[in-house]
Amino acid sequence: MSNNVIDQFRQQEADNIALSVKSNRWSLVMVEVMIREQEQKLVASDLPVEGDGEQDNFWEEIARLG
């Protein structure tokens, strides 16, 4: 009897893992699609690539704070 319970538990866990893997793959595909769509919108827009000649000091600020 206990062997049957253990086998049922193992099967349930295997099913849960398979569902998680499927969900993770689906999420990855959705994120990739969203990134592609955003890239297309940015390329199609007429927004400037860089600001008004201002440098982005992000890394300098990070280094200063660290």
PDB file of N, CA and C in Angstrom:
ATOM      1  N   MET A   1       0.821  -1.198   0.000  1.00  0.00           N
ATOM      2  CA  MET A   1       0.000   0.000   0.000  1.00  0.00           C
ATOM      3  C   MET A   1       0.864   1.261   0.000  1.00  0.00           C
ATOM      4  N   SER A   2       1.900   1.291   0.841  1.00  0.00           N
ATOM      5  CA  SER A   2       2.726   2.493   0.911  1.00  0.00           C
ATOM      6  C   SER A   2       3.499   2.714  -0.386  1.00  0.00           C
ATOM      7  N   ASN A   3       3.820   1.632  -1.092  1.00  0.00           N
ATOM      8  CA  ASN A   3       4.490   1.766  -2.383  1.00  0.00           C
ATOM      9  C   ASN A   3       3.598   2.500  -3.373  1.00  0.00           C
ATOM     10  N   ASN A   4       2.320   2.213  -3.326  1.00  0.00           N
ATOM     11  CA  ASN A   4       1.360   2.857  -4.220  1.00  0.00           C
ATOM     12  C   ASN A   4       1.277   4.362  -3.931  1.00  0.00           C
ATOM     13  N   VAL A   5       1.273   4.722  -2.674  1.00  0.00           N
ATOM     14  CA  VAL A   5       1.214   6.131  -2.287  1.00  0.00           C
ATOM     15  C   VAL A   5       2.469   6.852  -2.754  1.00  0.00           C
ATOM     16  N   ILE A   6       3.611   6.213  -2.594  1.00  0.00           N
ATOM     17  CA  ILE A   6       4.872   6.817  -3.027  1.00  0.00           C
ATOM     18  C   ILE A   6       4.888   6.984  -4.540  1.00  0.00           C
ATOM     19  N   ASP A   7       4.416   5.974  -5.261  1.00  0.00           N
ATOM     20  CA  ASP A   7       4.361   6.073  -6.720  1.00  0.00           C
ATOM     21  C   ASP A   7       3.419   7.185  -7.158  1.00  0.00           C
ATOM     22  N   GLN A   8       2.301   7.323  -6.494  1.00  0.00           N
ATOM     23  CA  GLN A   8       1.354   8.397  -6.812  1.00  0.00           C
ATOM     24  C   GLN A   8       1.990   9.766  -6.559  1.00  0.00           C
ATOM     25  N   PHE A   9       2.695   9.871  -5.443  1.00  0.00           N
ATOM     26  CA  PHE A   9       3.371  11.125  -5.111  1.00  0.00           C
ATOM     27  C   PHE A   9       4.420  11.462  -6.171  1.00  0.00           C
ATOM     28  N   ARG A  10       5.220  10.479  -6.548  1.00  0.00           N
ATOM     29  CA  ARG A  10       6.245  10.706  -7.566  1.00  0.00           C
ATOM     30  C   ARG A  10       5.626  11.146  -8.886  1.00  0.00           C
ATOM     31  N   GLN A  11       4.537  10.508  -9.264  1.00  0.00           N
ATOM     32  CA  GLN A  11       3.868  10.881 -10.515  1.00  0.00           C
ATOM     33  C   GLN A  11       3.326  12.301 -10.447  1.00  0.00           C
ATOM     34  N   GLN A  12       2.738  12.638  -9.300  1.00  0.00           N
ATOM     35  CA  GLN A  12       2.202  13.987  -9.121  1.00  0.00           C
ATOM     36  C   GLN A  12       3.318  15.021  -9.189  1.00  0.00           C
ATOM     37  N   GLU A  13       4.440  14.744  -8.569  1.00  0.00           N
ATOM     38  CA  GLU A  13       5.574  15.663  -8.603  1.00  0.00           C
ATOM     39  C   GLU A  13       6.146  15.781 -10.013  1.00  0.00           C
ATOM     40  N   ALA A  14       6.221  14.670 -10.732  1.00  0.00           N
ATOM     41  CA  ALA A  14       6.703  14.702 -12.112  1.00  0.00           C
ATOM     42  C   ALA A  14       5.766  15.545 -12.976  1.00  0.00           C
ATOM     43  N   ASP A  15       4.465  15.402 -12.771  1.00  0.00           N
ATOM     44  CA  ASP A  15       3.491  16.214 -13.518  1.00  0.00           C
ATOM     45  C   ASP A  15       3.640  17.692 -13.195  1.00  0.00           C
ATOM     46  N   ASN A  16       3.851  18.007 -11.919  1.00  0.00           N
ATOM     47  CA  ASN A  16       4.035  19.400 -11.507  1.00  0.00           C
ATOM     48  C   ASN A  16       5.292  20.002 -12.130  1.00  0.00           C
ATOM     49  N   ILE A  17       6.365  19.244 -12.157  1.00  0.00           N
ATOM     50  CA  ILE A  17       7.619  19.733 -12.748  1.00  0.00           C
ATOM     51  C   ILE A  17       7.431  19.951 -14.243  1.00  0.00           C
ATOM     52  N   ALA A  18       6.772  19.020 -14.912  1.00  0.00           N
ATOM     53  CA  ALA A  18       6.539  19.158 -16.354  1.00  0.00           C
ATOM     54  C   ALA A  18       5.701  20.401 -16.648  1.00  0.00           C
ATOM     55  N   LEU A  19       4.715  20.654 -15.821  1.00  0.00           N
ATOM     56  CA  LEU A  19       3.877  21.844 -16.008  1.00  0.00           C
ATOM     57  C   LEU A  19       4.677  23.125 -15.773  1.00  0.00           C
ATOM     58  N   SER A  20       5.549  23.103 -14.781  1.00  0.00           N
ATOM     59  CA  SER A  20       6.401  24.267 -14.510  1.00  0.00           C
ATOM     60  C   SER A  20       7.348  24.547 -15.667  1.00  0.00           C
ATOM     61  N   VAL A  21       7.936  23.498 -16.225  1.00  0.00           N
ATOM     62  CA  VAL A  21       8.839  23.664 -17.363  1.00  0.00           C
ATOM     63  C   VAL A  21       8.082  24.244 -18.548  1.00  0.00           C
ATOM     64  N   LYS A  22       6.891  23.721 -18.798  1.00  0.00           N
ATOM     65  CA  LYS A  22       6.065  24.221 -19.904  1.00  0.00           C
ATOM     66  C   LYS A  22       5.724  25.697 -19.690  1.00  0.00           C
ATOM     67  N   SER A  23       5.379  26.053 -18.474  1.00  0.00           N
ATOM     68  CA  SER A  23       5.044  27.441 -18.145  1.00  0.00           C
ATOM     69  C   SER A  23       6.255  28.353 -18.318  1.00  0.00           C
ATOM     70  N   ASN A  24       7.415  27.906 -17.873  1.00  0.00           N
ATOM     71  CA  ASN A  24       8.638  28.705 -18.012  1.00  0.00           C
ATOM     72  C   ASN A  24       8.986  28.926 -19.479  1.00  0.00           C
ATOM     73  N   ARG A  25       8.832  27.893 -20.295  1.00  0.00           N
ATOM     74  CA  ARG A  25       9.121  28.036 -21.733  1.00  0.00           C
ATOM     75  C   ARG A  25       8.143  29.015 -22.363  1.00  0.00           C
ATOM     76  N   TRP A  26       6.875  28.921 -22.002  1.00  0.00           N
ATOM     77  CA  TRP A  26       5.867  29.832 -22.540  1.00  0.00           C
ATOM     78  C   TRP A  26       6.182  31.270 -22.132  1.00  0.00           C
ATOM     79  N   SER A  27       6.570  31.457 -20.891  1.00  0.00           N
ATOM     80  CA  SER A  27       6.921  32.799 -20.412  1.00  0.00           C
ATOM     81  C   SER A  27       8.105  33.361 -21.182  1.00  0.00           C
ATOM     82  N   LEU A  28       9.104  32.531 -21.432  1.00  0.00           N
ATOM     83  CA  LEU A  28      10.276  32.975 -22.177  1.00  0.00           C
ATOM     84  C   LEU A  28       9.882  33.418 -23.584  1.00  0.00           C
ATOM     85  N   VAL A  29       9.038  32.645 -24.230  1.00  0.00           N
ATOM     86  CA  VAL A  29       8.579  33.004 -25.581  1.00  0.00           C
ATOM     87  C   VAL A  29       7.831  34.332 -25.541  1.00  0.00           C
ATOM     88  N   MET A  30       6.967  34.513 -24.557  1.00  0.00           N
ATOM     89  CA  MET A  30       6.203  35.754 -24.454  1.00  0.00           C
ATOM     90  C   MET A  30       7.119  36.966 -24.238  1.00  0.00           C
ATOM     91  N   VAL A  31       8.128  36.812 -23.397  1.00  0.00           N
ATOM     92  CA  VAL A  31       9.071  37.904 -23.148  1.00  0.00           C
ATOM     93  C   VAL A  31       9.845  38.229 -24.429  1.00  0.00           C
ATOM     94  N   GLU A  32      10.270  37.202 -25.165  1.00  0.00           N
ATOM     95  CA  GLU A  32      10.986  37.439 -26.412  1.00  0.00           C
ATOM     96  C   GLU A  32      10.103  38.167 -27.426  1.00  0.00           C
ATOM     97  N   VAL A  33       8.837  37.792 -27.505  1.00  0.00           N
ATOM     98  CA  VAL A  33       7.907  38.467 -28.416  1.00  0.00           C
ATOM     99  C   VAL A  33       7.727  39.917 -27.996  1.00  0.00           C
ATOM    100  N   MET A  34       7.576  40.161 -26.711  1.00  0.00           N
ATOM    101  CA  MET A  34       7.397  41.530 -26.221  1.00  0.00           C
ATOM    102  C   MET A  34       8.634  42.381 -26.512  1.00  0.00           C
ATOM    103  N   ILE A  35       9.811  41.806 -26.350  1.00  0.00           N
ATOM    104  CA  ILE A  35      11.048  42.536 -26.634  1.00  0.00           C
ATOM    105  C   ILE A  35      11.115  42.876 -28.118  1.00  0.00           C
ATOM    106  N   ARG A  36      10.799  41.906 -28.984  1.00  0.00           N
ATOM    107  CA  ARG A  36      10.819  42.156 -30.424  1.00  0.00           C
ATOM    108  C   ARG A  36       9.842  43.258 -30.810  1.00  0.00           C
ATOM    109  N   GLU A  37       8.641  43.213 -30.231  1.00  0.00           N
ATOM    110  CA  GLU A  37       7.649  44.245 -30.525  1.00  0.00           C
ATOM    111  C   GLU A  37       8.135  45.618 -30.076  1.00  0.00           C
ATOM    112  N   GLN A  38       8.733  45.689 -28.901  1.00  0.00           N
ATOM    113  CA  GLN A  38       9.238  46.965 -28.391  1.00  0.00           C
ATOM    114  C   GLN A  38      10.371  47.482 -29.268  1.00  0.00           C
ATOM    115  N   GLU A  39      11.254  46.584 -29.694  1.00  0.00           N
ATOM    116  CA  GLU A  39      12.345  46.997 -30.584  1.00  0.00           C
ATOM    117  C   GLU A  39      11.795  47.557 -31.885  1.00  0.00           C
ATOM    118  N   GLN A  40      10.779  46.906 -32.449  1.00  0.00           N
ATOM    119  CA  GLN A  40      10.180  47.394 -33.695  1.00  0.00           C
ATOM    120  C   GLN A  40       9.561  48.771 -33.497  1.00  0.00           C
ATOM    121  N   LYS A  41       8.911  48.984 -32.377  1.00  0.00           N
ATOM    122  CA  LYS A  41       8.312  50.293 -32.094  1.00  0.00           C
ATOM    123  C   LYS A  41       9.388  51.364 -31.970  1.00  0.00           C
ATOM    124  N   LEU A  42      10.478  51.034 -31.296  1.00  0.00           N
ATOM    125  CA  LEU A  42      11.553  52.007 -31.125  1.00  0.00           C
ATOM    126  C   LEU A  42      12.218  52.345 -32.455  1.00  0.00           C
ATOM    127  N   VAL A  43      12.431  51.345 -33.283  1.00  0.00           N
ATOM    128  CA  VAL A  43      13.055  51.586 -34.587  1.00  0.00           C
ATOM    129  C   VAL A  43      12.125  52.420 -35.463  1.00  0.00           C
ATOM    130  N   ALA A  44      10.827  52.162 -35.393  1.00  0.00           N
ATOM    131  CA  ALA A  44       9.862  52.878 -36.221  1.00  0.00           C
ATOM    132  C   ALA A  44       9.601  54.297 -35.728  1.00  0.00           C
ATOM    133  N   SER A  45       9.928  54.571 -34.473  1.00  0.00           N
ATOM    134  CA  SER A  45       9.661  55.901 -33.929  1.00  0.00           C
ATOM    135  C   SER A  45      10.711  56.889 -34.422  1.00  0.00           C
ATOM    136  N   ASP A  46      10.413  58.150 -34.263  1.00  0.00           N
ATOM    137  CA  ASP A  46      11.374  59.167 -34.669  1.00  0.00           C
ATOM    138  C   ASP A  46      12.079  59.777 -33.462  1.00  0.00           C
ATOM    139  N   LEU A  47      12.079  59.050 -32.373  1.00  0.00           N
ATOM    140  CA  LEU A  47      12.751  59.537 -31.171  1.00  0.00           C
ATOM    141  C   LEU A  47      14.264  59.504 -31.368  1.00  0.00           C
ATOM    142  N   PRO A  48      14.975  60.470 -30.826  1.00  0.00           N
ATOM    143  CA  PRO A  48      16.438  60.459 -30.971  1.00  0.00           C
ATOM    144  C   PRO A  48      17.038  59.291 -30.189  1.00  0.00           C
ATOM    145  N   VAL A  49      18.122  58.772 -30.720  1.00  0.00           N
ATOM    146  CA  VAL A  49      18.789  57.642 -30.067  1.00  0.00           C
ATOM    147  C   VAL A  49      19.478  58.104 -28.791  1.00  0.00           C
ATOM    148  N   GLU A  50      20.103  59.281 -28.856  1.00  0.00           N
ATOM    149  CA  GLU A  50      20.771  59.833 -27.690  1.00  0.00           C
ATOM    150  C   GLU A  50      20.094  61.137 -27.310  1.00  0.00           C
ATOM    151  N   GLY A  51      20.324  61.552 -26.082  1.00  0.00           N
ATOM    152  CA  GLY A  51      19.743  62.799 -25.603  1.00  0.00           C
ATOM    153  C   GLY A  51      20.393  63.998 -26.266  1.00  0.00           C
ATOM    154  N   ASP A  52      20.238  65.132 -25.698  1.00  0.00           N
ATOM    155  CA  ASP A  52      20.765  66.381 -26.255  1.00  0.00           C
ATOM    156  C   ASP A  52      22.263  66.495 -26.019  1.00  0.00           C
ATOM    157  N   GLY A  53      22.990  65.482 -26.401  1.00  0.00           N
ATOM    158  CA  GLY A  53      24.436  65.515 -26.226  1.00  0.00           C
ATOM    159  C   GLY A  53      24.872  65.190 -24.808  1.00  0.00           C
ATOM    160  N   GLU A  54      23.932  64.920 -23.927  1.00  0.00           N
ATOM    161  CA  GLU A  54      24.279  64.594 -22.545  1.00  0.00           C
ATOM    162  C   GLU A  54      24.727  63.136 -22.468  1.00  0.00           C
ATOM    163  N   GLN A  55      25.763  62.906 -21.722  1.00  0.00           N
ATOM    164  CA  GLN A  55      26.242  61.552 -21.501  1.00  0.00           C
ATOM    165  C   GLN A  55      25.394  60.897 -20.415  1.00  0.00           C
ATOM    166  N   ASP A  56      25.192  59.608 -20.574  1.00  0.00           N
ATOM    167  CA  ASP A  56      24.486  58.862 -19.525  1.00  0.00           C
ATOM    168  C   ASP A  56      25.511  58.479 -18.470  1.00  0.00           C
ATOM    169  N   ASN A  57      25.372  59.024 -17.296  1.00  0.00           N
ATOM    170  CA  ASN A  57      26.346  58.796 -16.232  1.00  0.00           C
ATOM    171  C   ASN A  57      25.926  57.676 -15.287  1.00  0.00           C
ATOM    172  N   PHE A  58      25.125  56.755 -15.773  1.00  0.00           N
ATOM    173  CA  PHE A  58      24.608  55.682 -14.933  1.00  0.00           C
ATOM    174  C   PHE A  58      25.740  54.922 -14.233  1.00  0.00           C
ATOM    175  N   TRP A  59      26.737  54.447 -15.009  1.00  0.00           N
ATOM    176  CA  TRP A  59      27.800  53.638 -14.422  1.00  0.00           C
ATOM    177  C   TRP A  59      28.677  54.460 -13.492  1.00  0.00           C
ATOM    178  N   GLU A  60      28.861  55.721 -13.808  1.00  0.00           N
ATOM    179  CA  GLU A  60      29.641  56.578 -12.920  1.00  0.00           C
ATOM    180  C   GLU A  60      28.910  56.758 -11.589  1.00  0.00           C
ATOM    181  N   GLU A  61      27.602  56.929 -11.658  1.00  0.00           N
ATOM    182  CA  GLU A  61      26.824  57.062 -10.426  1.00  0.00           C
ATOM    183  C   GLU A  61      26.850  55.779  -9.609  1.00  0.00           C
ATOM    184  N   ILE A  62      26.774  54.651 -10.278  1.00  0.00           N
ATOM    185  CA  ILE A  62      26.828  53.356  -9.581  1.00  0.00           C
ATOM    186  C   ILE A  62      28.181  53.211  -8.887  1.00  0.00           C
ATOM    187  N   ALA A  63      29.274  53.560  -9.598  1.00  0.00           N
ATOM    188  CA  ALA A  63      30.609  53.451  -9.023  1.00  0.00           C
ATOM    189  C   ALA A  63      30.764  54.380  -7.821  1.00  0.00           C
ATOM    190  N   ARG A  64      30.170  55.570  -7.931  1.00  0.00           N
ATOM    191  CA  ARG A  64      30.269  56.546  -6.838  1.00  0.00           C
ATOM    192  C   ARG A  64      29.515  56.060  -5.614  1.00  0.00           C
ATOM    193  N   LEU A  65      28.357  55.438  -5.842  1.00  0.00           N
ATOM    194  CA  LEU A  65      27.541  54.948  -4.712  1.00  0.00           C
ATOM    195  C   LEU A  65      28.119  53.694  -4.079  1.00  0.00           C
ATOM    196  N   GLY A  66      28.864  52.919  -4.868  1.00  0.00           N
ATOM    197  CA  GLY A  66      29.394  51.636  -4.387  1.00  0.00           C
ATOM    198  C   GLY A  66      30.583  51.722  -3.571  1.00  0.00           C
TER     199      GLY A  66
END
